[in-house]
């Protein structure tokens, strides 16, 4: 499918973007190159290739799941406008 300036203008309109004539012409060239590259990638035989999340066989280093901060709930609730039984009271939003 050949990309035309009318396609670029339509996409810009749908995206609510204002583009000049010069920009539209450049976008036709840029987007055509991108679509050509996508066509080229789709021709690659990927049968038997397992999908990868990362090209390197690496595992994520995770930190230990330990509490590192001290409990400051009482200090925070002292400056709250309304608290009851250790819970913050807020105005009802949904009726």
Protein backbone atom coordinates (compact mmCIF):
# COMPACT_ATOMS: atom_id res chain seq x y z
CA UNK A 1 0.00 0.00 0.00
CA UNK A 2 1.47 3.32 -1.03
CA UNK A 3 1.23 6.01 1.59
CA UNK A 4 -0.11 9.33 0.39
CA UNK A 5 -0.23 12.79 1.89
CA UNK A 6 -3.99 12.45 2.39
CA UNK A 7 -3.35 9.45 4.68
CA UNK A 8 -0.91 11.48 6.77
CA UNK A 9 -3.35 14.39 6.98
CA UNK A 10 -6.16 12.01 8.02
CA UNK A 11 -4.01 10.45 10.74
CA UNK A 12 -2.98 13.91 11.96
CA UNK A 13 -6.62 14.98 12.05
CA UNK A 14 -7.61 11.89 14.06
CA UNK A 15 -4.74 12.54 16.47
CA UNK A 16 -5.76 16.21 16.67
CA UNK A 17 -2.36 17.35 15.38
CA UNK A 18 -1.84 20.44 13.27
CA UNK A 19 0.78 19.83 10.57
CA UNK A 20 2.02 22.09 7.80
CA UNK A 21 2.33 21.13 4.13
CA UNK A 22 6.09 20.72 4.52
CA UNK A 23 5.65 18.46 7.55
CA UNK A 24 3.05 16.34 5.79
CA UNK A 25 5.42 15.76 2.88
CA UNK A 26 8.26 14.79 5.22
CA UNK A 27 5.97 12.49 7.21
CA UNK A 28 4.95 10.68 4.02
CA UNK A 29 8.61 9.89 3.36
CA UNK A 30 9.38 8.96 6.99
CA UNK A 31 6.32 6.78 7.44
CA UNK A 32 6.88 5.09 4.07
CA UNK A 33 10.39 4.12 5.20
CA UNK A 34 8.99 2.75 8.47
CA UNK A 35 6.33 0.72 6.66
CA UNK A 36 8.95 -0.61 4.24
CA UNK A 37 11.04 -1.75 7.19
CA UNK A 38 8.00 -3.48 8.74
CA UNK A 39 7.38 -5.28 5.44
CA UNK A 40 11.00 -6.35 5.40
CA UNK A 41 10.77 -7.67 8.97
CA UNK A 42 7.60 -9.62 8.19
CA UNK A 43 9.47 -11.52 5.46
CA UNK A 44 11.91 -12.97 8.02
CA UNK A 45 11.32 -16.66 8.78
CA UNK A 46 10.73 -16.91 12.53
CA UNK A 47 9.43 -20.48 12.66
CA UNK A 48 11.00 -22.32 15.55
CA UNK A 49 12.22 -19.17 17.26
CA UNK A 50 11.03 -18.89 20.83
CA UNK A 51 9.79 -15.46 21.91
CA UNK A 52 12.15 -13.56 24.19
CA UNK A 53 11.58 -11.00 26.89
CA UNK A 54 15.27 -10.06 26.74
CA UNK A 55 18.01 -11.06 24.30
CA UNK A 56 20.39 -12.02 27.10
CA UNK A 57 19.84 -14.98 29.38
CA UNK A 58 19.75 -12.94 32.55
CA UNK A 59 17.70 -13.10 35.69
CA UNK A 60 16.50 -10.13 37.68
CA UNK A 61 18.29 -9.63 40.93
CA UNK A 62 15.70 -9.09 43.63
CA UNK A 63 16.28 -7.60 47.02
CA UNK A 64 15.14 -9.36 50.13
CA UNK A 65 11.54 -8.62 51.10
CA UNK A 66 12.32 -7.04 54.45
CA UNK A 67 10.83 -4.08 56.32
CA UNK A 68 13.38 -1.27 56.29
CA UNK A 69 11.28 1.72 57.45
CA UNK A 70 10.11 2.18 60.99
CA UNK A 71 6.39 2.31 61.76
CA UNK A 72 5.41 5.99 61.95
CA UNK A 73 1.64 5.59 61.73
CA UNK A 74 0.95 7.27 65.08
CA UNK A 75 3.07 10.28 64.12
CA UNK A 76 1.29 10.64 60.75
CA UNK A 77 -2.16 10.24 62.28
CA UNK A 78 -1.53 12.94 64.84
CA UNK A 79 -1.52 15.55 62.07
CA UNK A 80 -4.47 14.02 60.14
CA UNK A 81 -7.78 15.90 60.33
CA UNK A 82 -9.86 12.84 61.31
CA UNK A 83 -8.76 9.40 62.56
CA UNK A 84 -10.65 6.55 64.18
CA UNK A 85 -9.31 3.15 65.31
CA UNK A 86 -6.06 3.70 63.43
CA UNK A 87 -7.83 4.54 60.16
CA UNK A 88 -8.00 7.84 58.29
CA UNK A 89 -11.54 9.22 57.96
CA UNK A 90 -12.31 10.92 54.66
CA UNK A 91 -15.47 12.49 53.26
CA UNK A 92 -17.77 10.14 51.37
CA UNK A 93 -17.23 10.48 47.64
CA UNK A 94 -19.61 7.85 46.23
CA UNK A 95 -23.20 7.71 47.44
